[in-house]
Amino acid sequence: MDHDMIRRDFPLIYNADFVYLDSSATSQKPQSVMKAVEDYYRTSNANPLRGLYDLSVRATELYENAREKAARFIGGAADEIVFTRNASESLNLIAYSYALNFLDSGDEIIVAISEHHSDMLPWQFAAKQKGCTVKYLECDEQGRYTAEGLESLITDRTRIVAMAQVSNVIGRENDIKRFAEIAHAHGAVFVCDGAQSVPHMKVDVKELGVDFFVFSGHKMLAPMGIGVLWARHELLEKMPPFLYGGEMIEYVTLQGATYAEVPHKFEAGTVNDGGAVGLAAAIDYIDRIGFDYISQREEQLCALAMEHIADIPHIRVIGSEDPHEHHGIITFTVEGVHPHDVSTIMSNDKVCVRAGHHCAQPLHKFLKTMSTTRASIAFYNNEDDIIRFIDCLKTIRRRMGYDE
């Protein structure tokens, strides 16, 4: 596959004077996605789902087509897909609609310690409201979780286990299928955050055996403002709505209402039709490129970067030494230099990386590292991007006043 042709699909970074290594925060968008969104607003814009005129019918068809594509993309059914704004909203929907209604005082929620705050704070909130306990599953220094670790923590009072498929800091893929089996054996449901996995690998929610799965469109080439919640149909059926208003109702009286069928009862108000169209176009683009190419390319670039980093003194990569276990995420520290200074120097050299705790403060505290710098690679990056990043990284300590 011609990598330069792929680069051309991304007009913001093609022949740009900067290097973009922040795709875990948000991905760049291919021309086909931007065109799909523009075409929607130029030719098909109308409020979907209720209008009987042709334009509204067309908008509805595009919206439901996006739902079907999202379902196929992760191996689910269309009536199990709820569109949200992002993975964070999807997780909050689960906490409000499932946890607050089906947990009791004394129940337990287990959360992996490496989770993004969006997969931690909703469970803390739900636990406080219901008198539950949140327990944290710890990993080793490389971010590795074990089945034995979960078995030692879980009890018959555990009702929810929450874990990301891929860590946004360490990049390691977790054995979700095995952990979900353990959760189910103790009567708990399993919530999986797929925000960092769906851009990089083929996902099949039925094969994983999870009960809930969430992801954000903007991390997988789609526009910002569109996210996905997948859940087993029987769970969605018994969960009450998260938001109330237009489009999610069937019939309203002065005393109450009956709600629309799943999944529409969770999509109150005017929906993000343009975002859904963009998500569908992003899925089409990923299908066209293929995960074989995506994963191979990202692993090659990650290996190139880590090979060079290993030769630079005073740099510590968080997690495994094996590039295959990073999924394009390289989080690191520079001895004696604050990550914000690292990021600022790189910004001055027009290399875009991210610094801080990456919405994972408990993980950083657990690893005894208050903050880090993260370079996250996507398949649209190239070798020149990596070399520019490495060339800048080599100069960080010298530019901060160190002799070496």
Protein backbone atom coordinates (compact mmCIF):
# COMPACT_ATOMS: atom_id res chain seq x y z
CA MET A 1 0.00 0.00 0.00
CA ASP A 2 1.33 3.45 -0.96
CA HIS A 3 1.84 5.24 2.33
CA ASP A 4 2.27 8.63 0.67
CA MET A 5 -1.17 8.25 -0.87
CA ILE A 6 -2.57 7.60 2.60
CA ARG A 7 -0.84 10.73 3.89
CA ARG A 8 -2.50 12.69 1.10
CA ASP A 9 -5.87 11.64 2.51
CA PHE A 10 -5.12 13.80 5.59
CA PRO A 11 -4.80 17.38 4.32
CA LEU A 12 -3.96 18.94 7.68
CA ILE A 13 -0.76 16.92 8.12
CA TYR A 14 0.27 16.25 4.53
CA ASN A 15 3.36 18.39 3.80
CA ALA A 16 2.77 20.26 7.07
CA ASP A 17 5.65 21.93 8.88
CA PHE A 18 4.70 20.15 12.12
CA VAL A 19 4.66 16.54 13.30
CA TYR A 20 1.43 15.30 14.87
CA LEU A 21 2.00 12.67 17.57
CA ASP A 22 -1.13 13.14 19.66
CA SER A 23 -3.57 10.76 18.00
CA SER A 24 -4.57 9.12 21.28
CA ALA A 25 -6.07 12.47 22.27
CA THR A 26 -7.80 12.90 18.92
CA SER A 27 -7.06 11.54 15.47
CA GLN A 28 -6.67 13.49 12.29
CA LYS A 29 -9.56 13.28 9.81
CA PRO A 30 -9.30 11.98 6.24
CA GLN A 31 -10.70 13.99 3.37
CA SER A 32 -13.45 11.41 2.79
CA VAL A 33 -14.83 11.97 6.30
CA MET A 34 -14.79 15.75 5.95
CA LYS A 35 -16.46 15.48 2.54
CA ALA A 36 -19.16 13.16 3.89
CA VAL A 37 -20.03 15.62 6.65
CA GLU A 38 -20.01 18.56 4.23
CA ASP A 39 -22.16 16.66 1.72
CA TYR A 40 -24.65 15.84 4.47
CA TYR A 41 -25.13 19.50 5.39
CA ARG A 42 -25.16 20.58 1.75
CA THR A 43 -27.60 17.97 0.47
CA SER A 44 -29.38 16.11 3.28
CA ASN A 45 -29.66 18.32 6.34
CA ALA A 46 -32.99 17.96 8.13
CA ASN A 47 -34.20 16.91 11.55
CA PRO A 48 -34.40 13.12 11.30
CA LEU A 49 -36.72 10.52 12.82
CA ARG A 50 -40.02 12.49 12.81
CA GLY A 51 -40.36 14.32 9.52
CA LEU A 52 -42.33 12.63 6.73
CA TYR A 53 -40.97 14.80 3.92
CA ASP A 54 -38.23 13.44 1.65
CA LEU A 55 -35.35 15.40 3.16
CA SER A 56 -36.12 14.23 6.69
CA VAL A 57 -36.59 10.66 5.49
CA ARG A 58 -33.18 10.84 3.83
CA ALA A 59 -31.59 12.24 7.01
CA THR A 60 -33.15 9.41 8.99
CA GLU A 61 -31.83 6.82 6.55
CA LEU A 62 -28.31 8.21 6.85
CA TYR A 63 -28.51 8.21 10.65
CA GLU A 64 -29.74 4.63 10.87
CA ASN A 65 -27.23 3.53 8.23
CA ALA A 66 -24.49 4.89 10.49
CA ARG A 67 -25.95 2.91 13.39
CA GLU A 68 -25.83 -0.28 11.33
CA LYS A 69 -22.23 0.38 10.29
CA ALA A 70 -21.19 1.06 13.88
CA ALA A 71 -22.82 -2.22 14.91
CA ARG A 72 -21.03 -4.21 12.21
CA PHE A 73 -17.76 -2.47 13.06
CA ILE A 74 -17.74 -4.00 16.55
CA GLY A 75 -19.76 -7.16 15.93
CA GLY A 76 -23.02 -6.08 17.55
CA ALA A 77 -26.60 -5.53 16.41
CA ALA A 78 -28.01 -2.18 15.31
CA ASP A 79 -30.61 -2.08 18.09
CA GLU A 80 -27.77 -2.42 20.61
CA ILE A 81 -26.06 0.79 19.47
CA VAL A 82 -26.78 4.06 21.28
CA PHE A 83 -25.23 7.22 19.86
CA THR A 84 -23.77 9.60 22.44
CA ARG A 85 -21.34 12.52 22.32
CA ASN A 86 -18.28 10.47 23.27
CA ALA A 87 -17.05 7.55 25.40
CA SER A 88 -17.30 9.68 28.55
CA GLU A 89 -21.00 10.27 28.02
CA SER A 90 -21.51 6.60 27.24
CA LEU A 91 -19.90 5.62 30.55
CA ASN A 92 -21.98 8.16 32.43
CA LEU A 93 -25.11 6.76 30.78
CA ILE A 94 -24.22 3.32 32.13
CA ALA A 95 -23.56 4.71 35.61
CA TYR A 96 -26.80 6.69 35.76
CA SER A 97 -29.12 4.29 33.98
CA TYR A 98 -27.70 0.93 35.07
CA ALA A 99 -25.68 1.39 38.26
CA LEU A 100 -28.06 3.77 40.02
CA ASN A 101 -31.00 1.49 39.31
CA PHE A 102 -29.59 -2.00 39.83
CA LEU A 103 -26.97 -1.65 42.57
CA ASP A 104 -27.71 -1.82 46.29
CA SER A 105 -25.97 -0.73 49.45
CA GLY A 106 -23.01 -2.99 50.16
CA ASP A 107 -22.43 -3.93 46.54
CA GLU A 108 -18.98 -3.57 44.99
CA ILE A 109 -17.57 -2.09 41.81
CA ILE A 110 -14.09 -3.10 40.62
CA VAL A 111 -12.18 -0.62 38.46
CA ALA A 112 -8.75 -1.15 36.93
CA ILE A 113 -6.30 1.36 38.40
CA SER A 114 -5.06 2.37 34.94
CA GLU A 115 -8.45 3.63 33.82
CA HIS A 116 -9.04 7.02 32.28
CA HIS A 117 -10.90 9.29 34.70
CA SER A 118 -13.98 8.89 32.50
CA ASP A 119 -14.07 5.21 33.46
CA MET A 120 -13.44 5.93 37.12
CA LEU A 121 -15.38 8.99 38.23
CA PRO A 122 -18.83 7.68 37.15
CA TRP A 123 -18.31 4.59 39.32
CA GLN A 124 -17.16 6.67 42.28
CA PHE A 125 -20.30 8.76 41.87
CA ALA A 126 -22.61 5.76 41.57
CA ALA A 127 -20.99 4.08 44.57
CA LYS A 128 -21.46 7.17 46.72
CA GLN A 129 -25.10 7.48 45.71
CA LYS A 130 -25.88 3.83 46.37
CA GLY A 131 -23.65 3.10 49.37
CA CYS A 132 -21.39 0.80 47.39
CA THR A 133 -17.64 0.23 47.57
CA VAL A 134 -15.19 0.87 44.73
CA LYS A 135 -12.24 -1.51 44.71
CA TYR A 136 -9.21 -1.02 42.47
CA LEU A 137 -7.48 -3.78 40.57
CA GLU A 138 -3.74 -3.12 40.48
CA CYS A 139 -1.35 -3.87 37.64
CA ASP A 140 2.42 -4.34 37.61
CA GLU A 141 4.87 -1.66 36.46
CA GLN A 142 4.36 -2.69 32.84
CA GLY A 143 0.60 -2.30 33.12
CA ARG A 144 -0.06 -6.03 33.15
CA TYR A 145 -3.18 -7.36 34.88
CA THR A 146 -3.63 -11.02 35.80
CA ALA A 147 -6.65 -13.24 36.15
CA GLU A 148 -5.35 -14.22 39.57
CA GLY A 149 -5.35 -10.57 40.62
CA LEU A 150 -9.00 -10.16 39.68
CA GLU A 151 -9.96 -13.48 41.27
CA SER A 152 -8.41 -12.35 44.55
CA LEU A 153 -10.38 -9.09 44.54
CA ILE A 154 -13.79 -10.04 43.22
CA THR A 155 -16.55 -11.34 45.48
CA ASP A 156 -20.18 -12.35 45.14
CA ARG A 157 -21.09 -8.74 46.05
CA THR A 158 -19.27 -7.41 42.98
CA ARG A 159 -21.79 -6.07 40.50
CA ILE A 160 -19.64 -4.20 37.96
CA VAL A 161 -16.09 -4.66 36.65
CA ALA A 162 -14.73 -1.81 34.51
CA MET A 163 -11.58 -1.98 32.41
CA ALA A 164 -10.26 -0.50 29.17
CA GLN A 165 -9.25 -2.81 26.37
CA VAL A 166 -6.14 -0.68 25.78
CA SER A 167 -4.63 1.75 28.29
CA ASN A 168 -4.34 5.35 27.11
CA VAL A 169 -1.06 5.71 29.07
CA ILE A 170 0.70 2.37 28.79
CA GLY A 171 -0.82 1.14 25.55
CA ARG A 172 -1.07 -2.46 26.67
CA GLU A 173 -4.03 -4.57 25.54
CA ASN A 174 -5.86 -6.30 28.37
CA ASP A 175 -7.26 -9.83 28.19
CA ILE A 176 -10.84 -8.60 28.24
CA LYS A 177 -12.38 -11.93 27.33
CA ARG A 178 -10.79 -13.67 30.33
CA PHE A 179 -11.63 -10.88 32.76
CA ALA A 180 -15.24 -10.76 31.53
CA GLU A 181 -15.54 -14.50 32.14
CA ILE A 182 -14.38 -14.02 35.72
CA ALA A 183 -16.84 -11.17 36.23
CA HIS A 184 -19.73 -13.23 34.91
CA ALA A 185 -18.78 -16.19 37.09
CA HIS A 186 -19.40 -13.95 40.10
CA GLY A 187 -22.62 -12.43 38.76
CA ALA A 188 -21.11 -9.08 37.71
CA VAL A 189 -21.44 -7.22 34.43
CA PHE A 190 -18.34 -6.13 32.54
CA VAL A 191 -17.91 -2.59 31.19
CA CYS A 192 -15.19 -2.15 28.58
CA ASP A 193 -13.77 1.19 27.44
CA GLY A 194 -12.73 0.73 23.82
CA ALA A 195 -11.72 4.33 23.06
CA GLN A 196 -8.06 3.37 22.57
CA SER A 197 -8.65 -0.02 20.94
CA VAL A 198 -11.13 0.51 18.10
CA PRO A 199 -8.76 2.82 16.14
CA HIS A 200 -6.04 0.16 16.13
CA MET A 201 -7.54 -3.33 16.05
CA LYS A 202 -10.57 -5.34 15.03
CA VAL A 203 -13.06 -5.60 17.89
CA ASP A 204 -15.88 -8.12 18.28
CA VAL A 205 -17.96 -7.43 21.38
CA LYS A 206 -19.62 -10.83 21.25
CA GLU A 207 -16.24 -12.56 21.09
CA LEU A 208 -14.99 -10.45 24.01
CA GLY A 209 -18.07 -11.43 26.00
CA VAL A 210 -18.56 -7.98 27.52
CA ASP A 211 -21.87 -6.47 28.59
CA PHE A 212 -21.14 -2.82 27.77
CA PHE A 213 -18.61 -1.38 25.30
CA VAL A 214 -17.97 2.30 24.59
CA PHE A 215 -15.85 4.37 22.22
CA SER A 216 -15.47 7.86 20.78
CA GLY A 217 -15.61 8.67 17.08
CA HIS A 218 -13.01 11.44 17.21
CA LYS A 219 -10.23 9.03 18.18
CA MET A 220 -10.93 6.86 15.11
CA LEU A 221 -10.94 9.46 12.29
CA ALA A 222 -14.56 10.63 12.82
CA PRO A 223 -15.70 14.14 13.87
CA MET A 224 -15.80 15.25 17.47
CA GLY A 225 -19.16 15.01 19.20
CA ILE A 226 -20.19 11.49 18.21
CA GLY A 227 -19.71 8.47 20.46
CA VAL A 228 -21.06 4.96 20.78
CA LEU A 229 -22.45 2.85 23.58
CA TRP A 230 -22.99 -0.82 22.80
CA ALA A 231 -24.82 -2.95 25.34
CA ARG A 232 -26.53 -6.30 25.36
CA HIS A 233 -30.11 -5.77 24.25
CA GLU A 234 -31.65 -7.26 27.37
CA LEU A 235 -29.73 -4.77 29.52
CA LEU A 236 -30.84 -1.79 27.43
CA GLU A 237 -34.44 -2.99 27.62
CA LYS A 238 -34.54 -2.91 31.41
CA MET A 239 -32.53 0.30 31.85
CA PRO A 240 -34.51 3.55 32.19
CA PRO A 241 -33.68 6.55 30.00
CA PHE A 242 -30.66 8.66 30.85
CA LEU A 243 -31.98 11.92 29.37
CA TYR A 244 -35.56 13.03 28.79
CA GLY A 245 -37.13 15.10 26.04
CA GLY A 246 -37.93 14.97 22.36
CA GLU A 247 -37.38 11.91 20.17
CA MET A 248 -37.02 9.44 23.06
CA ILE A 249 -40.74 9.24 23.78
CA GLU A 250 -43.60 7.25 22.31
CA TYR A 251 -46.51 8.97 24.04
CA VAL A 252 -46.76 11.78 26.62
CA THR A 253 -49.59 12.72 28.97
CA LEU A 254 -49.79 15.27 31.76
CA GLN A 255 -49.06 12.47 34.20
CA GLY A 256 -46.20 10.66 32.47
CA ALA A 257 -44.91 9.08 29.30
CA THR A 258 -44.10 5.87 27.53
CA TYR A 259 -40.73 5.71 25.87
CA ALA A 260 -39.53 4.81 22.42
CA GLU A 261 -38.07 1.40 21.77
CA VAL A 262 -34.39 0.61 22.29
CA PRO A 263 -32.06 2.26 21.36
CA HIS A 264 -34.04 5.46 20.69
CA LYS A 265 -35.18 5.84 24.28
CA PHE A 266 -31.58 6.82 25.14
CA GLU A 267 -31.24 9.48 22.42
CA ALA A 268 -33.14 12.52 23.65
CA GLY A 269 -33.36 15.68 21.58
CA THR A 270 -32.13 16.41 18.10
CA VAL A 271 -29.42 13.89 17.30
CA ASN A 272 -25.98 14.54 15.82
CA ASP A 273 -26.82 13.31 12.34
CA GLY A 274 -23.79 14.98 10.74
CA GLY A 275 -21.50 13.34 13.28
CA ALA A 276 -23.09 9.95 12.67
CA VAL A 277 -22.55 10.38 8.93
CA GLY A 278 -18.91 11.25 9.64
CA LEU A 279 -18.57 8.17 11.83
CA ALA A 280 -19.95 5.98 9.04
CA ALA A 281 -17.44 7.50 6.61
CA ALA A 282 -14.61 6.89 9.10
CA ILE A 283 -15.62 3.23 9.38
CA ASP A 284 -15.65 2.97 5.59
CA TYR A 285 -12.16 4.45 5.46
CA ILE A 286 -10.79 2.10 8.13
CA ASP A 287 -12.37 -0.85 6.34
CA ARG A 288 -10.72 0.25 3.10
CA ILE A 289 -7.26 0.58 4.68
CA GLY A 290 -7.68 -2.52 6.82
CA PHE A 291 -6.55 -3.29 10.35
CA ASP A 292 -3.76 -5.53 9.07
CA TYR A 293 -2.08 -2.50 7.52
CA ILE A 294 -2.99 -0.16 10.38
CA SER A 295 -1.57 -2.37 13.12
CA GLN A 296 1.52 -3.32 11.11
CA ARG A 297 2.32 0.28 10.24
CA GLU A 298 1.82 1.55 13.79
CA GLU A 299 3.93 -1.24 15.24
CA GLN A 300 6.76 -0.52 12.77
CA LEU A 301 6.80 3.18 13.65
CA CYS A 302 6.53 2.48 17.36
CA ALA A 303 9.43 0.02 17.13
CA LEU A 304 11.52 2.59 15.26
CA ALA A 305 10.88 5.20 17.94
CA MET A 306 11.56 2.88 20.86
CA GLU A 307 14.74 1.58 19.24
CA HIS A 308 16.11 5.12 19.10
CA ILE A 309 14.82 6.03 22.56
CA ALA A 310 16.74 3.09 24.03
CA ASP A 311 19.98 4.77 22.90
CA ILE A 312 19.18 8.11 24.57
CA PRO A 313 20.34 8.41 28.20
CA HIS A 314 17.96 9.49 30.96
CA ILE A 315 14.76 8.53 29.12
CA ARG A 316 12.37 6.05 30.74
CA VAL A 317 9.50 4.56 28.76
CA ILE A 318 6.45 3.64 30.84
CA GLY A 319 5.36 0.06 30.30
CA SER A 320 6.77 -2.80 28.29
CA GLU A 321 10.00 -2.73 26.29
CA ASP A 322 8.14 -4.56 23.51
CA PRO A 323 6.71 -2.12 20.90
CA HIS A 324 4.04 -4.69 20.03
CA GLU A 325 2.49 -4.07 23.46
CA HIS A 326 2.19 -0.30 23.07
CA HIS A 327 -0.30 0.08 20.19
CA GLY A 328 1.40 3.28 19.10
CA ILE A 329 1.45 4.85 22.60
CA ILE A 330 4.87 5.82 23.97
CA THR A 331 4.64 7.46 27.37
CA PHE A 332 7.95 8.51 28.88
CA THR A 333 9.86 10.70 31.31
CA VAL A 334 13.08 12.65 30.86
CA GLU A 335 15.19 12.61 34.01
CA GLY A 336 15.34 16.04 35.64
CA VAL A 337 12.94 17.67 33.19
CA HIS A 338 9.26 18.28 33.86
CA PRO A 339 6.97 16.82 31.16
CA HIS A 340 5.49 20.27 30.53
CA ASP A 341 8.98 21.53 29.68
CA VAL A 342 9.51 18.55 27.40
CA SER A 343 6.24 19.27 25.63
CA THR A 344 7.01 22.99 25.34
CA ILE A 345 10.42 22.38 23.81
CA MET A 346 8.90 19.92 21.38
CA SER A 347 6.18 22.41 20.54
CA ASN A 348 8.86 24.98 19.74
CA ASP A 349 10.31 22.42 17.32
CA LYS A 350 6.80 21.85 15.93
CA VAL A 351 6.45 18.34 17.35
CA CYS A 352 2.99 17.82 18.86
CA VAL A 353 2.99 15.59 21.96
CA ARG A 354 0.98 15.66 25.18
CA ALA A 355 2.19 16.19 28.74
CA GLY A 356 0.55 15.70 32.13
CA HIS A 357 -1.28 12.83 33.79
CA HIS A 358 -3.38 12.02 30.69
CA CYS A 359 -6.59 11.81 32.74
CA ALA A 360 -5.07 8.93 34.70
CA GLN A 361 -3.81 10.45 37.96
CA PRO A 362 -4.33 7.31 40.11
CA LEU A 363 -2.22 5.29 37.67
CA HIS A 364 0.58 7.85 37.75
CA LYS A 365 0.51 7.91 41.55
CA PHE A 366 0.56 4.10 41.60
CA LEU A 367 3.60 4.14 39.29
CA LYS A 368 5.23 6.82 41.50
CA THR A 369 5.36 9.22 38.57
CA MET A 370 3.34 12.40 38.92
CA SER A 371 3.26 13.21 35.21
CA THR A 372 4.64 12.03 31.88
CA THR A 373 4.99 12.97 28.24
CA ARG A 374 3.08 10.93 25.66
CA ALA A 375 3.74 10.52 21.96
CA SER A 376 0.95 8.60 20.25
CA ILE A 377 1.45 7.28 16.75
CA ALA A 378 -1.14 6.57 14.06
CA PHE A 379 -0.87 4.76 10.74
CA TYR A 380 -0.80 8.09 8.88
CA ASN A 381 2.50 9.03 10.50
CA ASN A 382 5.74 8.23 8.70
CA GLU A 383 9.39 7.61 9.45
CA ASP A 384 10.27 11.29 9.05
CA ASP A 385 7.80 12.10 11.84
CA ILE A 386 9.55 9.66 14.14
CA ILE A 387 13.03 10.93 13.33
CA ARG A 388 12.00 14.54 13.97
CA PHE A 389 10.57 13.48 17.32
CA ILE A 390 13.76 11.58 18.21
CA ASP A 391 16.05 14.41 17.07
CA CYS A 392 14.18 16.80 19.34
CA LEU A 393 14.11 14.36 22.25
CA LYS A 394 17.90 14.03 22.11
CA THR A 395 18.27 17.76 22.79
CA ILE A 396 15.86 18.13 25.71
CA ARG A 397 18.29 17.83 28.61
CA ARG A 398 20.97 19.95 26.95
CA ARG A 399 18.44 22.70 26.28
CA MET A 400 17.40 22.55 29.92
CA GLY A 401 20.99 23.20 31.03
CA TYR A 402 22.34 19.68 31.55
CA ASP A 403 25.80 18.75 30.21
CA GLU A 404 24.61 15.56 28.54
